[in-house]
PDB file of N, CA and C in Angstrom:
ATOM      1  N   MET A   1    -178.346-207.403  90.414  1.00  0.00           N
ATOM      2  CA  MET A   1    -177.801-206.234  91.016  1.00  0.00           C
ATOM      3  C   MET A   1    -176.908-205.529  89.992  1.00  0.00           C
ATOM      4  N   THR A   2    -177.148-204.256  89.718  1.00  0.00           N
ATOM      5  CA  THR A   2    -176.356-203.495  88.749  1.00  0.00           C
ATOM      6  C   THR A   2    -175.539-202.437  89.476  1.00  0.00           C
ATOM      7  N   LEU A   3    -174.381-202.185  88.927  1.00  0.00           N
ATOM      8  CA  LEU A   3    -173.508-201.147  89.478  1.00  0.00           C
ATOM      9  C   LEU A   3    -173.639-199.900  88.616  1.00  0.00           C
ATOM     10  N   GLU A   4    -173.986-198.815  89.232  1.00  0.00           N
ATOM     11  CA  GLU A   4    -174.119-197.555  88.506  1.00  0.00           C
ATOM     12  C   GLU A   4    -172.939-196.657  88.850  1.00  0.00           C
ATOM     13  N   THR A   5    -172.443-196.016  87.833  1.00  0.00           N
ATOM     14  CA  THR A   5    -171.357-195.078  88.094  1.00  0.00           C
ATOM     15  C   THR A   5    -171.946-193.735  88.496  1.00  0.00           C
ATOM     16  N   THR A   6    -171.379-193.148  89.499  1.00  0.00           N
ATOM     17  CA  THR A   6    -171.869-191.851  89.970  1.00  0.00           C
ATOM     18  C   THR A   6    -170.920-190.724  89.616  1.00  0.00           C
ATOM     19  N   THR A   7    -169.906-191.021  88.859  1.00  0.00           N
ATOM     20  CA  THR A   7    -168.977-189.985  88.443  1.00  0.00           C
ATOM     21  C   THR A   7    -169.604-189.161  87.320  1.00  0.00           C
ATOM     22  N   PRO A   8    -169.822-187.866  87.560  1.00  0.00           N
ATOM     23  CA  PRO A   8    -170.439-187.037  86.516  1.00  0.00           C
ATOM     24  C   PRO A   8    -169.439-186.739  85.399  1.00  0.00           C
ATOM     25  N   ASN A   9    -169.981-186.610  84.210  1.00  0.00           N
ATOM     26  CA  ASN A   9    -169.177-186.265  83.048  1.00  0.00           C
ATOM     27  C   ASN A   9    -169.258-184.749  82.851  1.00  0.00           C
ATOM     28  N   PRO A  10    -168.165-184.007  83.050  1.00  0.00           N
ATOM     29  CA  PRO A  10    -168.232-182.547  82.931  1.00  0.00           C
ATOM     30  C   PRO A  10    -168.448-182.068  81.504  1.00  0.00           C
ATOM     31  N   TYR A  11    -168.255-182.934  80.523  1.00  0.00           N
ATOM     32  CA  TYR A  11    -168.433-182.538  79.117  1.00  0.00           C
ATOM     33  C   TYR A  11    -169.842-182.801  78.620  1.00  0.00           C
ATOM     34  N   GLN A  12    -170.662-183.368  79.454  1.00  0.00           N
ATOM     35  CA  GLN A  12    -172.037-183.668  79.077  1.00  0.00           C
ATOM     36  C   GLN A  12    -172.926-182.528  79.555  1.00  0.00           C
ATOM     37  N   ALA A  13    -173.880-182.143  78.726  1.00  0.00           N
ATOM     38  CA  ALA A  13    -174.798-181.078  79.096  1.00  0.00           C
ATOM     39  C   ALA A  13    -175.622-181.522  80.284  1.00  0.00           C
ATOM     40  N   GLY A  14    -175.920-180.593  81.109  1.00  0.00           N
ATOM     41  CA  GLY A  14    -176.705-180.948  82.287  1.00  0.00           C
ATOM     42  C   GLY A  14    -176.441-179.950  83.387  1.00  0.00           C
ATOM     43  N   ASP A  15    -176.068-180.436  84.544  1.00  0.00           N
ATOM     44  CA  ASP A  15    -175.850-179.605  85.712  1.00  0.00           C
ATOM     45  C   ASP A  15    -174.663-178.667  85.477  1.00  0.00           C
ATOM     46  N   ALA A  16    -174.910-177.369  85.564  1.00  0.00           N
ATOM     47  CA  ALA A  16    -173.862-176.392  85.286  1.00  0.00           C
ATOM     48  C   ALA A  16    -172.828-176.317  86.406  1.00  0.00           C
ATOM     49  N   SER A  17    -173.162-176.788  87.584  1.00  0.00           N
ATOM     50  CA  SER A  17    -172.209-176.711  88.686  1.00  0.00           C
ATOM     51  C   SER A  17    -171.111-177.758  88.561  1.00  0.00           C
ATOM     52  N   ILE A  18    -171.285-178.736  87.671  1.00  0.00           N
ATOM     53  CA  ILE A  18    -170.284-179.783  87.492  1.00  0.00           C
ATOM     54  C   ILE A  18    -169.092-179.253  86.716  1.00  0.00           C
ATOM     55  N   ALA A  19    -169.343-178.455  85.693  1.00  0.00           N
ATOM     56  CA  ALA A  19    -168.265-177.971  84.825  1.00  0.00           C
ATOM     57  C   ALA A  19    -167.441-176.925  85.558  1.00  0.00           C
ATOM     58  N   ALA A  20    -166.155-177.082  85.516  1.00  0.00           N
ATOM     59  CA  ALA A  20    -165.260-176.116  86.152  1.00  0.00           C
ATOM     60  C   ALA A  20    -164.988-174.974  85.178  1.00  0.00           C
ATOM     61  N   PRO A  21    -164.982-173.741  85.667  1.00  0.00           N
ATOM     62  CA  PRO A  21    -164.709-172.625  84.762  1.00  0.00           C
ATOM     63  C   PRO A  21    -163.245-172.613  84.345  1.00  0.00           C
ATOM     64  N   ARG A  22    -162.973-171.924  83.248  1.00  0.00           N
ATOM     65  CA  ARG A  22    -161.586-171.761  82.808  1.00  0.00           C
ATOM     66  C   ARG A  22    -160.825-170.985  83.869  1.00  0.00           C
ATOM     67  N   THR A  23    -159.602-171.358  84.048  1.00  0.00           N
ATOM     68  CA  THR A  23    -158.786-170.643  85.017  1.00  0.00           C
ATOM     69  C   THR A  23    -157.961-169.578  84.303  1.00  0.00           C
ATOM     70  N   ARG A  24    -157.429-168.662  85.087  1.00  0.00           N
ATOM     71  CA  ARG A  24    -156.582-167.631  84.505  1.00  0.00           C
ATOM     72  C   ARG A  24    -155.310-168.230  83.945  1.00  0.00           C
ATOM     73  N   ALA A  25    -154.851-169.305  84.576  1.00  0.00           N
ATOM     74  CA  ALA A  25    -153.607-169.935  84.122  1.00  0.00           C
ATOM     75  C   ALA A  25    -153.744-170.471  82.709  1.00  0.00           C
ATOM     76  N   THR A  26    -154.878-171.073  82.384  1.00  0.00           N
ATOM     77  CA  THR A  26    -155.026-171.619  81.041  1.00  0.00           C
ATOM     78  C   THR A  26    -155.131-170.503  80.013  1.00  0.00           C
ATOM     79  N   ARG A  27    -155.846-169.442  80.351  1.00  0.00           N
ATOM     80  CA  ARG A  27    -155.924-168.318  79.417  1.00  0.00           C
ATOM     81  C   ARG A  27    -154.551-167.685  79.217  1.00  0.00           C
ATOM     82  N   TRP A  28    -153.795-167.560  80.305  1.00  0.00           N
ATOM     83  CA  TRP A  28    -152.460-166.989  80.226  1.00  0.00           C
ATOM     84  C   TRP A  28    -151.559-167.857  79.361  1.00  0.00           C
ATOM     85  N   MET A  29    -151.650-169.172  79.530  1.00  0.00           N
ATOM     86  CA  MET A  29    -150.806-170.068  78.739  1.00  0.00           C
ATOM     87  C   MET A  29    -151.117-169.958  77.254  1.00  0.00           C
ATOM     88  N   ILE A  30    -152.392-169.904  76.919  1.00  0.00           N
ATOM     89  CA  ILE A  30    -152.791-169.832  75.515  1.00  0.00           C
ATOM     90  C   ILE A  30    -152.324-168.505  74.896  1.00  0.00           C
ATOM     91  N   TRP A  31    -152.554-167.389  75.588  1.00  0.00           N
ATOM     92  CA  TRP A  31    -152.149-166.098  75.041  1.00  0.00           C
ATOM     93  C   TRP A  31    -150.634-165.961  74.973  1.00  0.00           C
ATOM     94  N   ALA A  32    -149.934-166.409  76.022  1.00  0.00           N
ATOM     95  CA  ALA A  32    -148.476-166.314  76.014  1.00  0.00           C
ATOM     96  C   ALA A  32    -147.880-167.197  74.917  1.00  0.00           C
ATOM     97  N   GLY A  33    -148.455-168.370  74.706  1.00  0.00           N
ATOM     98  CA  GLY A  33    -147.983-169.240  73.634  1.00  0.00           C
ATOM     99  C   GLY A  33    -148.201-168.628  72.269  1.00  0.00           C
ATOM    100  N   ALA A  34    -149.350-167.999  72.080  1.00  0.00           N
ATOM    101  CA  ALA A  34    -149.628-167.358  70.792  1.00  0.00           C
ATOM    102  C   ALA A  34    -148.678-166.180  70.556  1.00  0.00           C
ATOM    103  N   VAL A  35    -148.409-165.399  71.599  1.00  0.00           N
ATOM    104  CA  VAL A  35    -147.493-164.264  71.463  1.00  0.00           C
ATOM    105  C   VAL A  35    -146.074-164.754  71.174  1.00  0.00           C
ATOM    106  N   ALA A  36    -145.647-165.825  71.847  1.00  0.00           N
ATOM    107  CA  ALA A  36    -144.306-166.366  71.610  1.00  0.00           C
ATOM    108  C   ALA A  36    -144.166-166.866  70.171  1.00  0.00           C
ATOM    109  N   LEU A  37    -145.194-167.526  69.663  1.00  0.00           N
ATOM    110  CA  LEU A  37    -145.136-167.988  68.273  1.00  0.00           C
ATOM    111  C   LEU A  37    -145.137-166.817  67.297  1.00  0.00           C
ATOM    112  N   LEU A  38    -145.889-165.783  67.604  1.00  0.00           N
ATOM    113  CA  LEU A  38    -145.900-164.594  66.751  1.00  0.00           C
ATOM    114  C   LEU A  38    -144.527-163.927  66.738  1.00  0.00           C
ATOM    115  N   LEU A  39    -143.885-163.841  67.898  1.00  0.00           N
ATOM    116  CA  LEU A  39    -142.543-163.262  67.950  1.00  0.00           C
ATOM    117  C   LEU A  39    -141.538-164.116  67.184  1.00  0.00           C
ATOM    118  N   ALA A  40    -141.695-165.429  67.245  1.00  0.00           N
ATOM    119  CA  ALA A  40    -140.799-166.307  66.487  1.00  0.00           C
ATOM    120  C   ALA A  40    -140.958-166.081  64.987  1.00  0.00           C
ATOM    121  N   VAL A  41    -142.174-165.904  64.541  1.00  0.00           N
ATOM    122  CA  VAL A  41    -142.409-165.637  63.119  1.00  0.00           C
ATOM    123  C   VAL A  41    -141.809-164.288  62.727  1.00  0.00           C
ATOM    124  N   LEU A  42    -141.959-163.293  63.599  1.00  0.00           N
ATOM    125  CA  LEU A  42    -141.361-161.988  63.307  1.00  0.00           C
ATOM    126  C   LEU A  42    -139.834-162.066  63.249  1.00  0.00           C
ATOM    127  N   CYS A  43    -139.225-162.897  64.104  1.00  0.00           N
ATOM    128  CA  CYS A  43    -137.772-163.093  64.051  1.00  0.00           C
ATOM    129  C   CYS A  43    -137.354-163.718  62.726  1.00  0.00           C
ATOM    130  N   LEU A  44    -138.121-164.658  62.245  1.00  0.00           N
ATOM    131  CA  LEU A  44    -137.782-165.282  60.967  1.00  0.00           C
ATOM    132  C   LEU A  44    -137.961-164.313  59.807  1.00  0.00           C
ATOM    133  N   ILE A  45    -138.966-163.462  59.889  1.00  0.00           N
ATOM    134  CA  ILE A  45    -139.148-162.437  58.860  1.00  0.00           C
ATOM    135  C   ILE A  45    -137.973-161.457  58.886  1.00  0.00           C
ATOM    136  N   ALA A  46    -137.504-161.088  60.091  1.00  0.00           N
ATOM    137  CA  ALA A  46    -136.348-160.201  60.207  1.00  0.00           C
ATOM    138  C   ALA A  46    -135.105-160.845  59.615  1.00  0.00           C
ATOM    139  N   THR A  47    -134.967-162.153  59.783  1.00  0.00           N
ATOM    140  CA  THR A  47    -133.824-162.855  59.201  1.00  0.00           C
ATOM    141  C   THR A  47    -133.862-162.791  57.681  1.00  0.00           C
ATOM    142  N   VAL A  48    -135.014-163.030  57.112  1.00  0.00           N
ATOM    143  CA  VAL A  48    -135.142-162.995  55.654  1.00  0.00           C
ATOM    144  C   VAL A  48    -134.871-161.589  55.127  1.00  0.00           C
ATOM    145  N   LEU A  49    -135.415-160.586  55.796  1.00  0.00           N
ATOM    146  CA  LEU A  49    -135.174-159.210  55.355  1.00  0.00           C
ATOM    147  C   LEU A  49    -133.698-158.835  55.484  1.00  0.00           C
ATOM    148  N   GLY A  50    -133.052-159.219  56.571  1.00  0.00           N
ATOM    149  CA  GLY A  50    -131.639-158.919  56.749  1.00  0.00           C
ATOM    150  C   GLY A  50    -130.767-159.597  55.712  1.00  0.00           C
ATOM    151  N   MET A  51    -131.085-160.848  55.397  1.00  0.00           N
ATOM    152  CA  MET A  51    -130.325-161.552  54.356  1.00  0.00           C
ATOM    153  C   MET A  51    -130.528-160.884  53.006  1.00  0.00           C
ATOM    154  N   THR A  52    -131.741-160.460  52.720  1.00  0.00           N
ATOM    155  CA  THR A  52    -132.029-159.790  51.455  1.00  0.00           C
ATOM    156  C   THR A  52    -131.252-158.486  51.357  1.00  0.00           C
ATOM    157  N   TRP A  53    -131.245-157.704  52.430  1.00  0.00           N
ATOM    158  CA  TRP A  53    -130.505-156.439  52.421  1.00  0.00           C
ATOM    159  C   TRP A  53    -129.006-156.680  52.282  1.00  0.00           C
ATOM    160  N   SER A  54    -128.519-157.730  52.931  1.00  0.00           N
ATOM    161  CA  SER A  54    -127.088-158.037  52.847  1.00  0.00           C
ATOM    162  C   SER A  54    -126.683-158.397  51.419  1.00  0.00           C
ATOM    163  N   PHE A  55    -127.449-159.271  50.801  1.00  0.00           N
ATOM    164  CA  PHE A  55    -127.132-159.645  49.426  1.00  0.00           C
ATOM    165  C   PHE A  55    -127.320-158.478  48.464  1.00  0.00           C
ATOM    166  N   ASP A  56    -128.295-157.629  48.729  1.00  0.00           N
ATOM    167  CA  ASP A  56    -128.510-156.465  47.878  1.00  0.00           C
ATOM    168  C   ASP A  56    -127.332-155.499  47.990  1.00  0.00           C
ATOM    169  N   ALA A  57    -126.810-155.312  49.196  1.00  0.00           N
ATOM    170  CA  ALA A  57    -125.653-154.426  49.377  1.00  0.00           C
ATOM    171  C   ALA A  57    -124.435-154.974  48.656  1.00  0.00           C
ATOM    172  N   ILE A  58    -124.272-156.280  48.660  1.00  0.00           N
ATOM    173  CA  ILE A  58    -123.137-156.881  47.968  1.00  0.00           C
ATOM    174  C   ILE A  58    -123.338-156.799  46.452  1.00  0.00           C
ATOM    175  N   ALA A  59    -124.562-156.996  46.004  1.00  0.00           N
ATOM    176  CA  ALA A  59    -124.822-156.978  44.560  1.00  0.00           C
ATOM    177  C   ALA A  59    -124.673-155.588  43.968  1.00  0.00           C
ATOM    178  N   THR A  60    -124.994-154.567  44.725  1.00  0.00           N
ATOM    179  CA  THR A  60    -124.924-153.203  44.194  1.00  0.00           C
ATOM    180  C   THR A  60    -123.606-152.505  44.531  1.00  0.00           C
ATOM    181  N   SER A  61    -122.662-153.233  45.109  1.00  0.00           N
ATOM    182  CA  SER A  61    -121.371-152.650  45.462  1.00  0.00           C
ATOM    183  C   SER A  61    -120.591-152.300  44.196  1.00  0.00           C
ATOM    184  N   SER A  62    -119.935-151.143  44.216  1.00  0.00           N
ATOM    185  CA  SER A  62    -119.172-150.720  43.036  1.00  0.00           C
ATOM    186  C   SER A  62    -117.828-151.444  42.947  1.00  0.00           C
ATOM    187  N   THR A  63    -117.361-151.961  44.078  1.00  0.00           N
ATOM    188  CA  THR A  63    -116.112-152.726  44.083  1.00  0.00           C
ATOM    189  C   THR A  63    -116.417-154.192  44.357  1.00  0.00           C
ATOM    190  N   THR A  64    -115.426-155.015  44.128  1.00  0.00           N
ATOM    191  CA  THR A  64    -115.606-156.438  44.411  1.00  0.00           C
ATOM    192  C   THR A  64    -115.570-156.647  45.922  1.00  0.00           C
ATOM    193  N   PRO A  65    -116.670-157.171  46.506  1.00  0.00           N
ATOM    194  CA  PRO A  65    -116.686-157.348  47.964  1.00  0.00           C
ATOM    195  C   PRO A  65    -115.761-158.480  48.389  1.00  0.00           C
ATOM    196  N   LYS A  66    -115.185-158.303  49.567  1.00  0.00           N
ATOM    197  CA  LYS A  66    -114.331-159.341  50.129  1.00  0.00           C
ATOM    198  C   LYS A  66    -115.225-160.419  50.754  1.00  0.00           C
ATOM    199  N   PRO A  67    -114.729-161.644  50.864  1.00  0.00           N
ATOM    200  CA  PRO A  67    -115.523-162.692  51.524  1.00  0.00           C
ATOM    201  C   PRO A  67    -115.867-162.351  52.972  1.00  0.00           C
ATOM    202  N   SER A  68    -115.008-161.602  53.647  1.00  0.00           N
ATOM    203  CA  SER A  68    -115.307-161.220  55.036  1.00  0.00           C
ATOM    204  C   SER A  68    -116.502-160.265  55.099  1.00  0.00           C
ATOM    205  N   ASP A  69    -116.644-159.414  54.069  1.00  0.00           N
ATOM    206  CA  ASP A  69    -117.823-158.532  54.013  1.00  0.00           C
ATOM    207  C   ASP A  69    -119.098-159.349  53.852  1.00  0.00           C
ATOM    208  N   LEU A  70    -119.022-160.352  53.015  1.00  0.00           N
ATOM    209  CA  LEU A  70    -120.175-161.229  52.812  1.00  0.00           C
ATOM    210  C   LEU A  70    -120.507-161.979  54.099  1.00  0.00           C
ATOM    211  N   ALA A  71    -119.494-162.500  54.775  1.00  0.00           N
ATOM    212  CA  ALA A  71    -119.726-163.264  55.995  1.00  0.00           C
ATOM    213  C   ALA A  71    -120.301-162.391  57.109  1.00  0.00           C
ATOM    214  N   SER A  72    -119.777-161.192  57.265  1.00  0.00           N
ATOM    215  CA  SER A  72    -120.308-160.319  58.323  1.00  0.00           C
ATOM    216  C   SER A  72    -121.705-159.816  57.979  1.00  0.00           C
ATOM    217  N   GLY A  73    -121.957-159.592  56.700  1.00  0.00           N
ATOM    218  CA  GLY A  73    -123.288-159.154  56.302  1.00  0.00           C
ATOM    219  C   GLY A  73    -124.349-160.222  56.493  1.00  0.00           C
ATOM    220  N   ILE A  74    -123.948-161.477  56.399  1.00  0.00           N
ATOM    221  CA  ILE A  74    -124.902-162.569  56.573  1.00  0.00           C
ATOM    222  C   ILE A  74    -125.036-162.969  58.044  1.00  0.00           C
ATOM    223  N   SER A  75    -123.968-162.825  58.817  1.00  0.00           N
ATOM    224  CA  SER A  75    -124.014-163.306  60.200  1.00  0.00           C
ATOM    225  C   SER A  75    -124.962-162.500  61.077  1.00  0.00           C
ATOM    226  N   TYR A  76    -125.068-161.208  60.871  1.00  0.00           N
ATOM    227  CA  TYR A  76    -125.957-160.401  61.706  1.00  0.00           C
ATOM    228  C   TYR A  76    -127.438-160.738  61.502  1.00  0.00           C
ATOM    229  N   PRO A  77    -127.912-160.937  60.297  1.00  0.00           N
ATOM    230  CA  PRO A  77    -129.325-161.309  60.149  1.00  0.00           C
ATOM    231  C   PRO A  77    -129.662-162.698  60.709  1.00  0.00           C
ATOM    232  N   LEU A  78    -128.675-163.531  60.952  1.00  0.00           N
ATOM    233  CA  LEU A  78    -128.970-164.859  61.498  1.00  0.00           C
ATOM    234  C   LEU A  78    -129.250-164.837  62.994  1.00  0.00           C
ATOM    235  N   ILE A  79    -128.930-163.749  63.671  1.00  0.00           N
ATOM    236  CA  ILE A  79    -129.167-163.659  65.119  1.00  0.00           C
ATOM    237  C   ILE A  79    -130.658-163.777  65.458  1.00  0.00           C
ATOM    238  N   PRO A  80    -131.570-163.106  64.742  1.00  0.00           N
ATOM    239  CA  PRO A  80    -132.987-163.299  65.076  1.00  0.00           C
ATOM    240  C   PRO A  80    -133.477-164.732  64.874  1.00  0.00           C
ATOM    241  N   SER A  81    -132.909-165.449  63.917  1.00  0.00           N
ATOM    242  CA  SER A  81    -133.363-166.825  63.727  1.00  0.00           C
ATOM    243  C   SER A  81    -132.910-167.715  64.870  1.00  0.00           C
ATOM    244  N   VAL A  82    -131.775-167.394  65.480  1.00  0.00           N
ATOM    245  CA  VAL A  82    -131.336-168.134  66.667  1.00  0.00           C
ATOM    246  C   VAL A  82    -132.291-167.857  67.829  1.00  0.00           C
ATOM    247  N   ALA A  83    -132.783-166.641  67.930  1.00  0.00           N
ATOM    248  CA  ALA A  83    -133.735-166.300  68.985  1.00  0.00           C
ATOM    249  C   ALA A  83    -135.114-166.897  68.718  1.00  0.00           C
ATOM    250  N   ALA A  84    -135.424-167.166  67.458  1.00  0.00           N
ATOM    251  CA  ALA A  84    -136.757-167.670  67.114  1.00  0.00           C
ATOM    252  C   ALA A  84    -136.967-169.111  67.557  1.00  0.00           C
ATOM    253  N   VAL A  85    -135.928-169.909  67.585  1.00  0.00           N
ATOM    254  CA  VAL A  85    -136.075-171.326  67.918  1.00  0.00           C
ATOM    255  C   VAL A  85    -136.579-171.518  69.350  1.00  0.00           C
ATOM    256  N   PRO A  86    -135.944-170.928  70.374  1.00  0.00           N
ATOM    257  CA  PRO A  86    -136.498-171.113  71.722  1.00  0.00           C
ATOM    258  C   PRO A  86    -137.874-170.499  71.893  1.00  0.00           C
ATOM    259  N   LEU A  87    -138.105-169.350  71.232  1.00  0.00           N
ATOM    260  CA  LEU A  87    -139.430-168.739  71.320  1.00  0.00           C
ATOM    261  C   LEU A  87    -140.506-169.664  70.760  1.00  0.00           C
ATOM    262  N   ALA A  88    -140.220-170.289  69.637  1.00  0.00           N
ATOM    263  CA  ALA A  88    -141.197-171.187  69.027  1.00  0.00           C
ATOM    264  C   ALA A  88    -141.433-172.409  69.914  1.00  0.00           C
ATOM    265  N   LEU A  89    -140.381-172.952  70.490  1.00  0.00           N
ATOM    266  CA  LEU A  89    -140.547-174.119  71.366  1.00  0.00           C
ATOM    267  C   LEU A  89    -141.377-173.775  72.601  1.00  0.00           C
ATOM    268  N   VAL A  90    -141.084-172.645  73.218  1.00  0.00           N
ATOM    269  CA  VAL A  90    -141.853-172.221  74.389  1.00  0.00           C
ATOM    270  C   VAL A  90    -143.308-171.964  73.998  1.00  0.00           C
ATOM    271  N   GLY A  91    -143.519-171.328  72.856  1.00  0.00           N
ATOM    272  CA  GLY A  91    -144.880-171.055  72.405  1.00  0.00           C
ATOM    273  C   GLY A  91    -145.683-172.318  72.153  1.00  0.00           C
ATOM    274  N   ILE A  92    -145.072-173.296  71.535  1.00  0.00           N
ATOM    275  CA  ILE A  92    -145.775-174.549  71.267  1.00  0.00           C
ATOM    276  C   ILE A  92    -146.115-175.266  72.565  1.00  0.00           C
ATOM    277  N   VAL A  93    -145.168-175.313  73.495  1.00  0.00           N
ATOM    278  CA  VAL A  93    -145.423-175.980  74.778  1.00  0.00           C
ATOM    279  C   VAL A  93    -146.534-175.272  75.540  1.00  0.00           C
ATOM    280  N   LEU A  94    -146.501-173.946  75.583  1.00  0.00           N
ATOM    281  CA  LEU A  94    -147.550-173.212  76.297  1.00  0.00           C
ATOM    282  C   LEU A  94    -148.916-173.403  75.655  1.00  0.00           C
ATOM    283  N   LEU A  95    -148.978-173.404  74.337  1.00  0.00           N
ATOM    284  CA  LEU A  95    -150.262-173.630  73.672  1.00  0.00           C
ATOM    285  C   LEU A  95    -150.808-175.023  73.958  1.00  0.00           C
ATOM    286  N   ILE A  96    -149.948-176.014  73.890  1.00  0.00           N
ATOM    287  CA  ILE A  96    -150.404-177.384  74.162  1.00  0.00           C
ATOM    288  C   ILE A  96    -150.897-177.503  75.597  1.00  0.00           C
ATOM    289  N   LEU A  97    -150.117-176.992  76.545  1.00  0.00           N
ATOM    290  CA  LEU A  97    -150.543-177.065  77.949  1.00  0.00           C
ATOM    291  C   LEU A  97    -151.829-176.282  78.192  1.00  0.00           C
ATOM    292  N   GLY A  98    -151.945-175.125  77.562  1.00  0.00           N
ATOM    293  CA  GLY A  98    -153.155-174.324  77.740  1.00  0.00           C
ATOM    294  C   GLY A  98    -154.397-175.009  77.210  1.00  0.00           C
ATOM    295  N   PHE A  99    -154.288-175.651  76.059  1.00  0.00           N
ATOM    296  CA  PHE A  99    -155.450-176.326  75.494  1.00  0.00           C
ATOM    297  C   PHE A  99    -155.753-177.651  76.186  1.00  0.00           C
ATOM    298  N   VAL A 100    -154.730-178.320  76.691  1.00  0.00           N
ATOM    299  CA  VAL A 100    -154.971-179.585  77.395  1.00  0.00           C
ATOM    300  C   VAL A 100    -155.616-179.314  78.748  1.00  0.00           C
ATOM    301  N   ARG A 101    -155.159-178.277  79.427  1.00  0.00           N
ATOM    302  CA  ARG A 101    -155.696-177.974  80.761  1.00  0.00           C
ATOM    303  C   ARG A 101    -157.025-177.232  80.720  1.00  0.00           C
ATOM    304  N   ARG A 102    -157.425-176.770  79.550  1.00  0.00           N
ATOM    305  CA  ARG A 102    -158.675-175.997  79.438  1.00  0.00           C
ATOM    306  C   ARG A 102    -159.860-176.864  79.800  1.00  0.00           C
ATOM    307  N   ARG A 103    -160.778-176.277  80.498  1.00  0.00           N
ATOM    308  CA  ARG A 103    -161.984-176.986  80.916  1.00  0.00           C
ATOM    309  C   ARG A 103    -163.193-176.294  80.306  1.00  0.00           C
ATOM    310  N   PRO A 104    -164.297-176.986  80.206  1.00  0.00           N
ATOM    311  CA  PRO A 104    -165.488-176.349  79.619  1.00  0.00           C
ATOM    312  C   PRO A 104    -166.015-175.242  80.519  1.00  0.00           C
ATOM    313  N   ILE A 105    -166.615-174.248  79.893  1.00  0.00           N
ATOM    314  CA  ILE A 105    -167.199-173.136  80.635  1.00  0.00           C
ATOM    315  C   ILE A 105    -168.613-173.515  81.039  1.00  0.00           C
ATOM    316  N   ALA A 106    -168.947-173.282  82.293  1.00  0.00           N
ATOM    317  CA  ALA A 106    -170.273-173.609  82.795  1.00  0.00           C
ATOM    318  C   ALA A 106    -171.281-172.621  82.218  1.00  0.00           C
ATOM    319  N   GLU A 107    -172.374-173.150  81.763  1.00  0.00           N
ATOM    320  CA  GLU A 107    -173.446-172.287  81.247  1.00  0.00           C
ATOM    321  C   GLU A 107    -174.264-171.777  82.408  1.00  0.00           C
ATOM    322  N   THR A 108    -174.538-170.470  82.385  1.00  0.00           N
ATOM    323  CA  THR A 108    -175.324-169.898  83.483  1.00  0.00           C
ATOM    324  C   THR A 108    -176.664-169.457  83.003  1.00  0.00           C
TER     325      THR A 108
END
């Protein structure tokens, strides 16, 4: 007497009604995660550009800059990098969840 498993494998080619279609939630998670990561990268680029402009303003100053000028010039460009960290974390989590929850598309 043999025991046969009757659980269908949705990743195996065959009956198209077995495979569940992608849901809107998974597509939303993948796109939102990609957008969040893109925004995080743009925040980091803004930080680099702001730091470059700050140092350039200090380097081309005709007078000797005060340390407070240097500190204030550097502190403002760091704000986008603070915003980039949560954006990147949310983006990574959404991408992982979107790809893990993704199901194969049924062939019609």
